Amino acid sequence: MYIIENIKKIYQKKAVLNIKHLTVDDYEHLGIMGVNGSGKSTLGEIILGTKKPTEGTLKIDNKDLRKNAVFQETSFDNEINLKQIANFYNELFKASANIDELFQIFELDDFKKAKYAKLSGGQKQKFKLLISFINKPNLLLLDELTTSLDYQWRKKIINLIKEYLNKNKVTLILVSHDVSEVASLCKRVVYLEKGNIVKDIALGSDYKNNLEILEKENDYETVDKTPNL
């Protein structure tokens, strides 16, 4: 369980996040939505532990925490190739992942010897997801999951994540502006506006029903309302 109490994040004397209280249960699948600059990525990073709040507390009740994340801005060393990067993370995590199988799953077999900087936007996103799967995380933060992916790969990635969630006990934090992603993967969504939680909505297991709920609740012009999965 993750309990947030009176958390603030301040940049240049301006509060970009101000969360009075938020509880995320173990193995909950939570979507965080809002326009750009609403604080959603910052909240996700604080829950993950990669960013510290200026004020407030985050309590984590999980002794066996294996966490990983996919951020929009993630990059990798360009001095070594993708296979070497994946092997490095396999050792770093003390995992025993089948790296070759992961390259096959994400259809990156032909790019094992490529440098990260040479990949297309979609290929970079797939590689970041590949890395996130290495240590079989039970806390997974996905920030704009399908950015730079075409329709077919968006659908494939959503299905891969669904399969992983169904087979493993995982707390999912999905930061997104895309209602179709959230409707597919989440059972709850919080909306942020100017760093504050303004809505907290329960979802079910039915994609179409979730999509209908989100489109009805979603009054942000810059949030993608187009069903695409």
Foldseek 3Di string as FASTA:
>chain_A
DKKWAQFWADDPNATLAGEHIDDFDFLAAEEEAEDPSLCQVVVLCVSQPVDPTPDTDMDDDDPDFDEDEDDLPDDDDQVFFLLVVLVVLLVVLVFDDPLCVLCVLLVNNVRRRPGLVPDASQVNLSSSVSSRPNNLGQEYEYAANRPPHDLVVVVSVLVVVVVSSVVDRHYYYYYALEQQSCLSTHQWYFYGGSNYTPDIDGHDNDSVVSLVVCVVPDPDPPRHSDNRD
